[in-house]
């Protein structure tokens, strides 16, 4: 017997499927309520308002992304593989995520020039996870001094891969191109470190 998701989970699923696909501003609350099959009072009881729902949906999405990324890191056999795991993790995540056209966090950020504090914190948490983990993983590959710059390069490549997917490039093709570009950045960082050490 299949257990129906709770009203709270149905609302989060509806936000994921609708707001992160067609845009938050373009998705009326009534459409979310219809998809979740709940009354307005249920949304307000769980999340306060539409923005509260979006914040919670982003937090859940980030937790799921974090799990996928960590599995890719754990499966990689080398420090370089662990550093570059963020790129194949995109493909793995998109296999199980909603049909969002690209990164839900970037999409919401683009729509929210003046976000409230909870939304601002939710958006910042995605950036914090990306930048701090990449920097930590870059240290064993390039050394502590160049790690920050290499992590910034990989963040840019990561965002570029998401952008190419938005432009219609196949996910696997975009990830493969991103990995090759990232490998070149890693090689350049290693050569720079070698010259300094020599």
N, C-alpha and C. Protein backbone atom coordinates (compact mmCIF):
# COMPACT_ATOMS: atom_id res chain seq x y z
N UNK A 1 0.85 -1.20 0.00
CA UNK A 1 0.00 0.00 0.00
C UNK A 1 0.88 1.25 0.00
N UNK A 2 0.61 2.14 -0.94
CA UNK A 2 1.39 3.36 -1.05
C UNK A 2 0.90 4.40 -0.05
N UNK A 3 1.83 4.96 0.69
CA UNK A 3 1.49 5.99 1.66
C UNK A 3 1.57 7.35 0.97
N UNK A 4 0.49 8.10 1.04
CA UNK A 4 0.47 9.42 0.41
C UNK A 4 1.37 10.38 1.19
N UNK A 5 2.15 11.19 0.48
CA UNK A 5 2.97 12.18 1.19
C UNK A 5 2.11 13.12 2.02
N UNK A 6 2.69 13.66 3.07
CA UNK A 6 1.97 14.60 3.92
C UNK A 6 1.64 15.86 3.13
N UNK A 7 0.74 16.65 3.67
CA UNK A 7 0.38 17.92 3.02
C UNK A 7 1.62 18.81 2.87
N UNK A 8 2.47 18.81 3.90
CA UNK A 8 3.69 19.61 3.84
C UNK A 8 4.59 19.18 2.69
N UNK A 9 4.77 17.87 2.54
CA UNK A 9 5.62 17.36 1.46
C UNK A 9 4.99 17.62 0.10
N UNK A 10 3.68 17.53 0.02
CA UNK A 10 3.01 17.80 -1.26
C UNK A 10 3.19 19.26 -1.65
N UNK A 11 3.14 20.16 -0.69
CA UNK A 11 3.39 21.57 -0.99
C UNK A 11 4.81 21.79 -1.46
N UNK A 12 5.76 21.16 -0.79
CA UNK A 12 7.16 21.29 -1.20
C UNK A 12 7.38 20.72 -2.60
N UNK A 13 6.74 19.57 -2.87
CA UNK A 13 6.85 18.97 -4.21
C UNK A 13 6.25 19.89 -5.26
N UNK A 14 5.12 20.50 -4.94
CA UNK A 14 4.48 21.40 -5.90
C UNK A 14 5.35 22.61 -6.18
N UNK A 15 5.97 23.16 -5.13
CA UNK A 15 6.87 24.30 -5.33
C UNK A 15 8.05 23.89 -6.20
N UNK A 16 8.58 22.71 -5.94
CA UNK A 16 9.72 22.21 -6.71
C UNK A 16 9.33 22.03 -8.18
N UNK A 17 8.17 21.42 -8.41
CA UNK A 17 7.75 21.12 -9.77
C UNK A 17 7.30 22.35 -10.55
N UNK A 18 6.68 23.29 -9.87
CA UNK A 18 6.09 24.43 -10.56
C UNK A 18 6.96 25.68 -10.48
N UNK A 19 7.22 26.15 -9.26
CA UNK A 19 7.92 27.42 -9.10
C UNK A 19 9.34 27.36 -9.63
N UNK A 20 10.02 26.21 -9.47
CA UNK A 20 11.39 26.11 -9.92
C UNK A 20 11.49 25.73 -11.40
N UNK A 21 10.34 25.50 -12.03
CA UNK A 21 10.31 25.20 -13.46
C UNK A 21 9.86 26.40 -14.28
N UNK A 22 8.77 27.03 -13.84
CA UNK A 22 8.22 28.15 -14.62
C UNK A 22 8.50 29.50 -13.98
N UNK A 23 9.16 29.50 -12.81
CA UNK A 23 9.50 30.74 -12.13
C UNK A 23 8.58 30.99 -10.95
N UNK A 24 9.14 31.57 -9.90
CA UNK A 24 8.36 31.83 -8.69
C UNK A 24 7.29 32.87 -8.96
N UNK A 25 7.67 33.98 -9.60
CA UNK A 25 6.70 35.05 -9.84
C UNK A 25 5.58 34.60 -10.78
N UNK A 26 5.91 33.71 -11.72
CA UNK A 26 4.92 33.25 -12.70
C UNK A 26 4.04 32.13 -12.17
N UNK A 27 4.29 31.69 -10.95
CA UNK A 27 3.52 30.58 -10.38
C UNK A 27 2.61 31.11 -9.28
N UNK A 28 1.32 31.24 -9.54
CA UNK A 28 0.40 31.72 -8.50
C UNK A 28 0.28 30.71 -7.36
N UNK A 29 0.00 31.22 -6.19
CA UNK A 29 -0.20 30.35 -5.03
C UNK A 29 -1.32 29.35 -5.31
N UNK A 30 -2.38 29.81 -6.00
CA UNK A 30 -3.52 28.92 -6.27
C UNK A 30 -3.09 27.70 -7.07
N UNK A 31 -2.16 27.88 -7.99
CA UNK A 31 -1.68 26.75 -8.79
C UNK A 31 -0.91 25.76 -7.92
N UNK A 32 -0.11 26.27 -7.01
CA UNK A 32 0.61 25.40 -6.08
C UNK A 32 -0.37 24.64 -5.20
N UNK A 33 -1.40 25.34 -4.71
CA UNK A 33 -2.39 24.70 -3.86
C UNK A 33 -3.14 23.60 -4.61
N UNK A 34 -3.50 23.86 -5.87
CA UNK A 34 -4.19 22.85 -6.66
C UNK A 34 -3.31 21.62 -6.87
N UNK A 35 -2.04 21.86 -7.21
CA UNK A 35 -1.13 20.73 -7.44
C UNK A 35 -0.96 19.91 -6.16
N UNK A 36 -0.85 20.58 -5.02
CA UNK A 36 -0.64 19.89 -3.75
C UNK A 36 -1.94 19.33 -3.18
N UNK A 37 -3.07 19.80 -3.71
CA UNK A 37 -4.40 19.39 -3.23
C UNK A 37 -4.56 19.71 -1.74
N UNK A 38 -4.28 20.97 -1.41
CA UNK A 38 -4.43 21.44 -0.03
C UNK A 38 -5.16 22.78 -0.03
N UNK A 39 -5.67 23.15 1.11
CA UNK A 39 -6.35 24.44 1.29
C UNK A 39 -5.32 25.52 1.61
N UNK A 40 -5.65 26.79 1.33
CA UNK A 40 -4.72 27.88 1.65
C UNK A 40 -4.27 27.86 3.11
N UNK A 41 -5.18 27.54 4.01
CA UNK A 41 -4.82 27.54 5.44
C UNK A 41 -3.69 26.56 5.74
N UNK A 42 -3.61 25.47 4.97
CA UNK A 42 -2.55 24.48 5.19
C UNK A 42 -1.19 25.06 4.84
N UNK A 43 -1.14 25.79 3.72
CA UNK A 43 0.13 26.43 3.35
C UNK A 43 0.56 27.42 4.42
N UNK A 44 -0.36 28.25 4.86
CA UNK A 44 -0.01 29.29 5.83
C UNK A 44 0.35 28.68 7.19
N UNK A 45 -0.29 27.57 7.53
CA UNK A 45 0.03 26.92 8.81
C UNK A 45 1.44 26.35 8.80
N UNK A 46 1.86 25.81 7.67
CA UNK A 46 3.18 25.18 7.59
C UNK A 46 4.30 26.17 7.28
N UNK A 47 4.02 27.15 6.43
CA UNK A 47 5.11 27.99 5.89
C UNK A 47 4.91 29.49 6.09
N UNK A 48 3.77 29.92 6.54
CA UNK A 48 3.53 31.34 6.75
C UNK A 48 3.02 32.05 5.53
N UNK A 49 3.70 31.89 4.41
CA UNK A 49 3.30 32.52 3.15
C UNK A 49 4.06 31.84 2.00
N UNK A 50 3.87 32.38 0.80
CA UNK A 50 4.51 31.78 -0.38
C UNK A 50 6.02 31.82 -0.27
N UNK A 51 6.58 32.94 0.20
CA UNK A 51 8.03 33.02 0.32
C UNK A 51 8.56 31.99 1.33
N UNK A 52 7.82 31.77 2.40
CA UNK A 52 8.23 30.76 3.36
C UNK A 52 8.26 29.38 2.74
N UNK A 53 7.30 29.10 1.87
CA UNK A 53 7.29 27.82 1.14
C UNK A 53 8.51 27.71 0.24
N UNK A 54 8.81 28.78 -0.48
CA UNK A 54 9.96 28.76 -1.39
C UNK A 54 11.26 28.56 -0.61
N UNK A 55 11.39 29.22 0.53
CA UNK A 55 12.58 29.05 1.37
C UNK A 55 12.73 27.59 1.78
N UNK A 56 11.65 26.98 2.25
CA UNK A 56 11.71 25.59 2.69
C UNK A 56 11.99 24.65 1.53
N UNK A 57 11.43 24.94 0.36
CA UNK A 57 11.68 24.10 -0.81
C UNK A 57 13.14 24.21 -1.24
N UNK A 58 13.72 25.41 -1.15
CA UNK A 58 15.15 25.57 -1.46
C UNK A 58 16.01 24.82 -0.45
N UNK A 59 15.66 24.90 0.81
CA UNK A 59 16.43 24.20 1.84
C UNK A 59 16.40 22.70 1.61
N UNK A 60 15.24 22.17 1.27
CA UNK A 60 15.14 20.73 0.98
C UNK A 60 15.94 20.37 -0.26
N UNK A 61 15.87 21.22 -1.27
CA UNK A 61 16.61 20.96 -2.51
C UNK A 61 18.12 20.97 -2.24
N UNK A 62 18.57 21.91 -1.42
CA UNK A 62 19.99 21.98 -1.10
C UNK A 62 20.45 20.73 -0.35
N UNK A 63 19.62 20.25 0.58
CA UNK A 63 19.98 19.04 1.31
C UNK A 63 20.09 17.84 0.36
N UNK A 64 19.20 17.76 -0.60
CA UNK A 64 19.25 16.66 -1.57
C UNK A 64 20.45 16.78 -2.48
N UNK A 65 20.76 18.01 -2.92
CA UNK A 65 21.95 18.24 -3.74
C UNK A 65 23.22 17.87 -2.96
N UNK A 66 23.26 18.26 -1.71
CA UNK A 66 24.41 17.95 -0.86
C UNK A 66 24.63 16.44 -0.77
N UNK A 67 23.55 15.67 -0.60
CA UNK A 67 23.67 14.22 -0.53
C UNK A 67 24.23 13.63 -1.82
N UNK A 68 23.72 14.09 -2.96
CA UNK A 68 24.20 13.59 -4.25
C UNK A 68 25.66 13.94 -4.45
N UNK A 69 26.03 15.18 -4.17
CA UNK A 69 27.41 15.62 -4.34
C UNK A 69 28.35 14.83 -3.44
N UNK A 70 27.95 14.63 -2.18
CA UNK A 70 28.81 13.89 -1.26
C UNK A 70 29.00 12.44 -1.72
N UNK A 71 27.97 11.82 -2.27
CA UNK A 71 28.12 10.46 -2.79
C UNK A 71 29.12 10.42 -3.93
N UNK A 72 29.08 11.42 -4.81
CA UNK A 72 30.05 11.49 -5.91
C UNK A 72 31.47 11.68 -5.39
N UNK A 73 31.61 12.49 -4.36
CA UNK A 73 32.93 12.70 -3.76
C UNK A 73 33.45 11.40 -3.16
N UNK A 74 32.61 10.71 -2.41
CA UNK A 74 33.03 9.47 -1.76
C UNK A 74 33.40 8.39 -2.76
N UNK A 75 32.75 8.40 -3.92
CA UNK A 75 33.02 7.38 -4.94
C UNK A 75 34.29 7.67 -5.74
N UNK A 76 34.76 8.91 -5.72
CA UNK A 76 35.95 9.28 -6.50
C UNK A 76 37.21 8.74 -5.83
N UNK A 77 38.12 8.09 -6.57
CA UNK A 77 39.27 7.44 -5.96
C UNK A 77 40.47 8.35 -5.71
N UNK A 78 40.49 9.54 -6.30
CA UNK A 78 41.66 10.41 -6.19
C UNK A 78 41.24 11.79 -5.70
N UNK A 79 42.18 12.58 -5.14
CA UNK A 79 41.85 13.95 -4.75
C UNK A 79 41.32 14.79 -5.91
N UNK A 80 41.90 14.61 -7.10
CA UNK A 80 41.41 15.37 -8.25
C UNK A 80 39.99 14.95 -8.60
N UNK A 81 39.72 13.65 -8.53
CA UNK A 81 38.38 13.17 -8.82
C UNK A 81 37.37 13.71 -7.83
N UNK A 82 37.77 13.80 -6.57
CA UNK A 82 36.87 14.34 -5.55
C UNK A 82 36.58 15.81 -5.80
N UNK A 83 37.61 16.55 -6.23
CA UNK A 83 37.43 17.97 -6.53
C UNK A 83 36.49 18.16 -7.72
N UNK A 84 36.67 17.35 -8.75
CA UNK A 84 35.86 17.50 -9.96
C UNK A 84 34.49 16.84 -9.85
N UNK A 85 34.24 16.12 -8.75
CA UNK A 85 32.98 15.38 -8.59
C UNK A 85 31.75 16.29 -8.64
N UNK A 86 31.93 17.58 -8.39
CA UNK A 86 30.80 18.50 -8.41
C UNK A 86 30.14 18.53 -9.79
N UNK A 87 30.91 18.25 -10.84
CA UNK A 87 30.35 18.33 -12.20
C UNK A 87 29.52 17.10 -12.56
N UNK A 88 30.03 15.88 -12.44
CA UNK A 88 29.13 14.74 -12.69
C UNK A 88 27.96 14.69 -11.71
N UNK A 89 28.12 15.28 -10.54
CA UNK A 89 27.01 15.32 -9.59
C UNK A 89 25.82 16.09 -10.16
N UNK A 90 26.08 17.04 -11.05
CA UNK A 90 24.97 17.77 -11.69
C UNK A 90 24.07 16.79 -12.43
N UNK A 91 24.69 15.91 -13.23
CA UNK A 91 23.89 14.94 -13.98
C UNK A 91 23.13 14.00 -13.08
N UNK A 92 23.79 13.51 -12.02
CA UNK A 92 23.14 12.60 -11.08
C UNK A 92 21.94 13.29 -10.40
N UNK A 93 22.15 14.54 -10.02
CA UNK A 93 21.08 15.27 -9.33
C UNK A 93 19.89 15.49 -10.25
N UNK A 94 20.16 15.83 -11.49
CA UNK A 94 19.07 16.11 -12.43
C UNK A 94 18.27 14.86 -12.77
N UNK A 95 18.86 13.69 -12.57
CA UNK A 95 18.12 12.45 -12.81
C UNK A 95 16.97 12.29 -11.81
N UNK A 96 17.17 12.81 -10.59
CA UNK A 96 16.16 12.61 -9.56
C UNK A 96 15.41 13.87 -9.16
N UNK A 97 15.85 15.01 -9.63
CA UNK A 97 15.22 16.28 -9.25
C UNK A 97 14.03 16.58 -10.15
N UNK A 98 13.35 17.65 -9.83
CA UNK A 98 12.23 18.07 -10.68
C UNK A 98 12.77 18.55 -12.02
N UNK A 99 11.87 18.90 -12.89
CA UNK A 99 12.26 19.30 -14.25
C UNK A 99 12.68 20.75 -14.33
N UNK A 100 13.20 21.31 -13.26
CA UNK A 100 13.68 22.70 -13.27
C UNK A 100 14.63 22.91 -14.43
N UNK A 101 14.47 24.03 -15.12
CA UNK A 101 15.27 24.27 -16.33
C UNK A 101 16.74 24.43 -16.00
N UNK A 102 17.04 24.95 -14.81
CA UNK A 102 18.44 25.01 -14.39
C UNK A 102 18.45 25.15 -12.88
N UNK A 103 19.48 25.77 -12.34
CA UNK A 103 19.64 25.84 -10.89
C UNK A 103 18.50 26.64 -10.26
N UNK A 104 17.78 26.01 -9.35
CA UNK A 104 16.66 26.69 -8.67
C UNK A 104 17.15 27.90 -7.90
N UNK A 105 18.34 27.81 -7.30
CA UNK A 105 18.87 28.91 -6.50
C UNK A 105 19.19 30.12 -7.39
N UNK A 106 19.81 29.88 -8.53
CA UNK A 106 20.13 30.99 -9.43
C UNK A 106 18.84 31.58 -10.01
N UNK A 107 17.88 30.72 -10.31
CA UNK A 107 16.62 31.22 -10.84
C UNK A 107 15.88 32.10 -9.84
N UNK A 108 15.81 31.65 -8.59
CA UNK A 108 15.13 32.44 -7.56
C UNK A 108 15.90 33.73 -7.29
N UNK A 109 17.23 33.64 -7.26
CA UNK A 109 18.04 34.84 -7.03
C UNK A 109 17.81 35.88 -8.13
N UNK A 110 17.70 35.41 -9.37
CA UNK A 110 17.47 36.34 -10.49
C UNK A 110 16.12 37.02 -10.38
N UNK A 111 15.15 36.34 -9.80
CA UNK A 111 13.80 36.89 -9.65
C UNK A 111 13.64 37.74 -8.40
N UNK A 112 14.63 37.74 -7.52
CA UNK A 112 14.47 38.35 -6.19
C UNK A 112 15.56 39.38 -5.92
N UNK A 113 15.48 40.56 -6.54
CA UNK A 113 16.51 41.56 -6.32
C UNK A 113 16.58 42.06 -4.88
N UNK A 114 15.48 41.98 -4.16
CA UNK A 114 15.45 42.43 -2.77
C UNK A 114 14.80 41.35 -1.89
N UNK A 115 15.47 40.21 -1.72
CA UNK A 115 14.85 39.13 -0.95
C UNK A 115 14.78 39.46 0.54
N UNK A 116 13.77 38.92 1.20
CA UNK A 116 13.71 39.02 2.65
C UNK A 116 14.84 38.22 3.26
N UNK A 117 15.07 38.42 4.54
CA UNK A 117 16.21 37.77 5.19
C UNK A 117 16.18 36.25 5.09
N UNK A 118 15.05 35.57 5.35
CA UNK A 118 15.06 34.11 5.24
C UNK A 118 15.41 33.63 3.83
N UNK A 119 14.88 34.30 2.82
CA UNK A 119 15.20 33.91 1.44
C UNK A 119 16.65 34.23 1.13
N UNK A 120 17.12 35.37 1.57
CA UNK A 120 18.52 35.74 1.35
C UNK A 120 19.45 34.69 1.98
N UNK A 121 19.12 34.24 3.17
CA UNK A 121 19.94 33.23 3.84
C UNK A 121 19.90 31.89 3.12
N UNK A 122 18.73 31.53 2.60
CA UNK A 122 18.61 30.28 1.86
C UNK A 122 19.45 30.32 0.60
N UNK A 123 19.42 31.44 -0.10
CA UNK A 123 20.22 31.58 -1.32
C UNK A 123 21.71 31.58 -0.99
N UNK A 124 22.09 32.25 0.08
CA UNK A 124 23.50 32.31 0.47
C UNK A 124 24.03 30.95 0.90
N UNK A 125 23.17 30.10 1.45
CA UNK A 125 23.64 28.79 1.91
C UNK A 125 24.11 27.92 0.76
N UNK A 126 23.48 28.07 -0.40
CA UNK A 126 23.91 27.32 -1.58
C UNK A 126 25.30 27.78 -2.02
N UNK A 127 25.50 29.08 -2.08
CA UNK A 127 26.81 29.63 -2.46
C UNK A 127 27.87 29.22 -1.45
N UNK A 128 27.53 29.27 -0.18
CA UNK A 128 28.49 28.91 0.87
C UNK A 128 28.92 27.45 0.73
N UNK A 129 27.96 26.56 0.52
CA UNK A 129 28.31 25.15 0.36
C UNK A 129 29.22 24.95 -0.84
N UNK A 130 28.89 25.55 -1.96
CA UNK A 130 29.69 25.39 -3.17
C UNK A 130 31.11 25.89 -2.97
N UNK A 131 31.26 27.10 -2.47
CA UNK A 131 32.59 27.71 -2.41
C UNK A 131 33.46 27.09 -1.32
N UNK A 132 32.89 26.83 -0.16
CA UNK A 132 33.72 26.29 0.92
C UNK A 132 34.13 24.86 0.65
N UNK A 133 33.23 24.06 0.10
CA UNK A 133 33.61 22.66 -0.17
C UNK A 133 34.62 22.58 -1.30
N UNK A 134 34.42 23.36 -2.35
CA UNK A 134 35.40 23.34 -3.45
C UNK A 134 36.77 23.78 -2.96
N UNK A 135 36.80 24.79 -2.10
CA UNK A 135 38.10 25.24 -1.60
C UNK A 135 38.77 24.15 -0.77
N UNK A 136 38.01 23.50 0.07
CA UNK A 136 38.55 22.42 0.90
C UNK A 136 39.08 21.28 0.04
N UNK A 137 38.34 20.93 -1.00
CA UNK A 137 38.76 19.84 -1.89
C UNK A 137 39.93 20.24 -2.78
N UNK A 138 40.10 21.55 -3.01
CA UNK A 138 41.19 22.02 -3.87
C UNK A 138 42.54 22.00 -3.17
N UNK A 139 42.55 22.07 -1.85
CA UNK A 139 43.83 22.12 -1.12
C UNK A 139 44.72 20.91 -1.40
N UNK A 140 44.21 19.66 -1.31
CA UNK A 140 45.09 18.52 -1.59
C UNK A 140 45.56 18.44 -3.04
N UNK A 141 44.84 19.12 -3.93
CA UNK A 141 45.17 19.05 -5.35
C UNK A 141 46.19 20.11 -5.74
N UNK A 142 46.01 21.33 -5.24
CA UNK A 142 46.82 22.46 -5.70
C UNK A 142 47.63 23.12 -4.61
N UNK A 143 47.41 22.75 -3.35
CA UNK A 143 48.08 23.43 -2.25
C UNK A 143 47.19 24.52 -1.68
N UNK A 144 47.50 24.93 -0.46
CA UNK A 144 46.60 25.84 0.25
C UNK A 144 46.54 27.23 -0.39
N UNK A 145 47.66 27.72 -0.89
CA UNK A 145 47.67 29.09 -1.42
C UNK A 145 46.85 29.24 -2.70
N UNK A 146 47.02 28.35 -3.70
CA UNK A 146 46.22 28.51 -4.93
C UNK A 146 44.81 27.95 -4.83
N UNK A 147 44.47 27.30 -3.72
CA UNK A 147 43.18 26.61 -3.62
C UNK A 147 42.00 27.55 -3.80
N UNK A 148 42.09 28.76 -3.25
CA UNK A 148 40.98 29.70 -3.35
C UNK A 148 40.70 30.10 -4.78
N UNK A 149 41.77 30.38 -5.53
CA UNK A 149 41.59 30.77 -6.93
C UNK A 149 41.05 29.61 -7.75
N UNK A 150 41.60 28.41 -7.53
CA UNK A 150 41.12 27.24 -8.27
C UNK A 150 39.65 26.97 -7.95
N UNK A 151 39.27 27.09 -6.68
CA UNK A 151 37.87 26.89 -6.30
C UNK A 151 36.97 27.91 -7.00
N UNK A 152 37.43 29.16 -7.12
CA UNK A 152 36.64 30.18 -7.83
C UNK A 152 36.50 29.83 -9.31
N UNK A 153 37.57 29.31 -9.92
CA UNK A 153 37.49 28.89 -11.31
C UNK A 153 36.46 27.77 -11.48
N UNK A 154 36.50 26.80 -10.57
CA UNK A 154 35.57 25.68 -10.68
C UNK A 154 34.13 26.12 -10.41
N UNK A 155 33.94 27.09 -9.53
CA UNK A 155 32.59 27.64 -9.31
C UNK A 155 32.07 28.27 -10.60
N UNK A 156 32.95 28.98 -11.30
CA UNK A 156 32.57 29.60 -12.56
C UNK A 156 32.23 28.55 -13.61
N UNK A 157 33.04 27.50 -13.68
CA UNK A 157 32.78 26.41 -14.63
C UNK A 157 31.46 25.72 -14.30
N UNK A 158 31.23 25.46 -13.01
CA UNK A 158 29.99 24.84 -12.55
C UNK A 158 28.78 25.66 -13.00
N UNK A 159 28.84 26.97 -12.78
CA UNK A 159 27.74 27.85 -13.16
C UNK A 159 27.58 27.88 -14.68
N UNK A 160 28.70 27.84 -15.40
CA UNK A 160 28.65 27.80 -16.86
C UNK A 160 27.98 26.54 -17.39
N UNK A 161 28.25 25.41 -16.75
CA UNK A 161 27.60 24.16 -17.15
C UNK A 161 26.09 24.29 -16.97
N UNK A 162 25.65 24.84 -15.83
CA UNK A 162 24.22 25.03 -15.61
C UNK A 162 23.63 25.97 -16.66
N UNK A 163 24.38 27.01 -17.00
CA UNK A 163 23.91 27.95 -18.01
C UNK A 163 23.77 27.31 -19.38
N UNK A 164 24.71 26.43 -19.76
CA UNK A 164 24.63 25.76 -21.05
C UNK A 164 23.45 24.79 -21.09
N UNK A 165 23.16 24.15 -19.96
CA UNK A 165 21.97 23.29 -19.90
C UNK A 165 20.71 24.14 -20.12
N UNK A 166 20.67 25.32 -19.51
CA UNK A 166 19.54 26.23 -19.69
C UNK A 166 19.40 26.63 -21.16
N UNK A 167 20.52 26.77 -21.85
CA UNK A 167 20.50 27.15 -23.26
C UNK A 167 20.13 25.99 -24.18
N UNK A 168 19.95 24.81 -23.61
CA UNK A 168 19.49 23.69 -24.42
C UNK A 168 20.51 22.60 -24.67
N UNK A 169 21.74 22.77 -24.17
CA UNK A 169 22.73 21.72 -24.36
C UNK A 169 22.36 20.50 -23.53
N UNK A 170 22.59 19.32 -24.09
CA UNK A 170 22.35 18.09 -23.37
C UNK A 170 23.16 18.08 -22.07
N UNK A 171 22.56 17.58 -20.99
CA UNK A 171 23.23 17.60 -19.69
C UNK A 171 24.55 16.86 -19.72
N UNK A 172 24.57 15.67 -20.29
CA UNK A 172 25.81 14.88 -20.34
C UNK A 172 26.90 15.61 -21.13
N UNK A 173 26.51 16.22 -22.23
CA UNK A 173 27.47 16.97 -23.05
C UNK A 173 28.02 18.17 -22.28
N UNK A 174 27.14 18.89 -21.60
CA UNK A 174 27.58 20.06 -20.83
C UNK A 174 28.51 19.64 -19.69
N UNK A 175 28.17 18.55 -19.01
CA UNK A 175 29.01 18.07 -17.91
C UNK A 175 30.37 17.63 -18.43
N UNK A 176 30.40 16.90 -19.54
CA UNK A 176 31.66 16.44 -20.12
C UNK A 176 32.54 17.63 -20.49
N UNK A 177 31.96 18.63 -21.12
CA UNK A 177 32.72 19.83 -21.47
C UNK A 177 33.22 20.54 -20.22
N UNK A 178 32.37 20.60 -19.19
CA UNK A 178 32.77 21.21 -17.94
C UNK A 178 33.92 20.49 -17.28
N UNK A 179 33.88 19.16 -17.29
CA UNK A 179 34.97 18.38 -16.69
C UNK A 179 36.28 18.64 -17.42
N UNK A 180 36.24 18.67 -18.74
CA UNK A 180 37.48 18.92 -19.51
C UNK A 180 38.03 20.32 -19.21
N UNK A 181 37.15 21.28 -19.10
CA UNK A 181 37.58 22.64 -18.78
C UNK A 181 38.16 22.70 -17.38
N UNK A 182 37.52 22.01 -16.45
CA UNK A 182 38.00 21.97 -15.06
C UNK A 182 39.34 21.26 -14.97
N UNK A 183 39.52 20.19 -15.72
CA UNK A 183 40.81 19.48 -15.72
C UNK A 183 41.93 20.40 -16.18
N UNK A 184 41.65 21.24 -17.18
CA UNK A 184 42.66 22.19 -17.65
C UNK A 184 43.00 23.20 -16.55
N UNK A 185 41.99 23.65 -15.80
CA UNK A 185 42.23 24.58 -14.70
C UNK A 185 43.06 23.92 -13.60
N UNK A 186 42.78 22.66 -13.31
CA UNK A 186 43.54 21.92 -12.29
C UNK A 186 44.98 21.75 -12.74
N UNK A 187 45.19 21.39 -14.00
CA UNK A 187 46.55 21.22 -14.52
C UNK A 187 47.33 22.53 -14.42
N UNK A 188 46.69 23.64 -14.76
CA UNK A 188 47.35 24.94 -14.69
C UNK A 188 47.71 25.28 -13.25
N UNK A 189 46.82 24.98 -12.31
CA UNK A 189 47.09 25.26 -10.89
C UNK A 189 48.25 24.40 -10.39
N UNK A 190 48.30 23.16 -10.82
CA UNK A 190 49.40 22.28 -10.41
C UNK A 190 50.74 22.77 -10.97
N UNK A 191 50.73 23.20 -12.22
CA UNK A 191 51.98 23.71 -12.81
C UNK A 191 52.45 24.96 -12.07
N UNK A 192 51.50 25.81 -11.71
CA UNK A 192 51.84 27.02 -10.96
C UNK A 192 52.43 26.66 -9.61
N UNK A 193 51.83 25.69 -8.94
CA UNK A 193 52.34 25.24 -7.63
C UNK A 193 53.72 24.64 -7.77
N UNK A 194 53.94 23.85 -8.82
CA UNK A 194 55.24 23.22 -9.05
C UNK A 194 56.32 24.28 -9.26
N UNK A 195 56.00 25.33 -10.03
CA UNK A 195 56.99 26.39 -10.27
C UNK A 195 57.36 27.10 -8.98
N UNK A 196 56.34 27.36 -8.12
CA UNK A 196 56.62 28.02 -6.85
C UNK A 196 57.47 27.12 -5.95
N UNK A 197 57.16 25.81 -5.93
CA UNK A 197 57.91 24.89 -5.07
C UNK A 197 59.33 24.72 -5.56
N UNK A 198 59.52 24.76 -6.87
CA UNK A 198 60.85 24.60 -7.42
C UNK A 198 61.69 25.84 -7.13
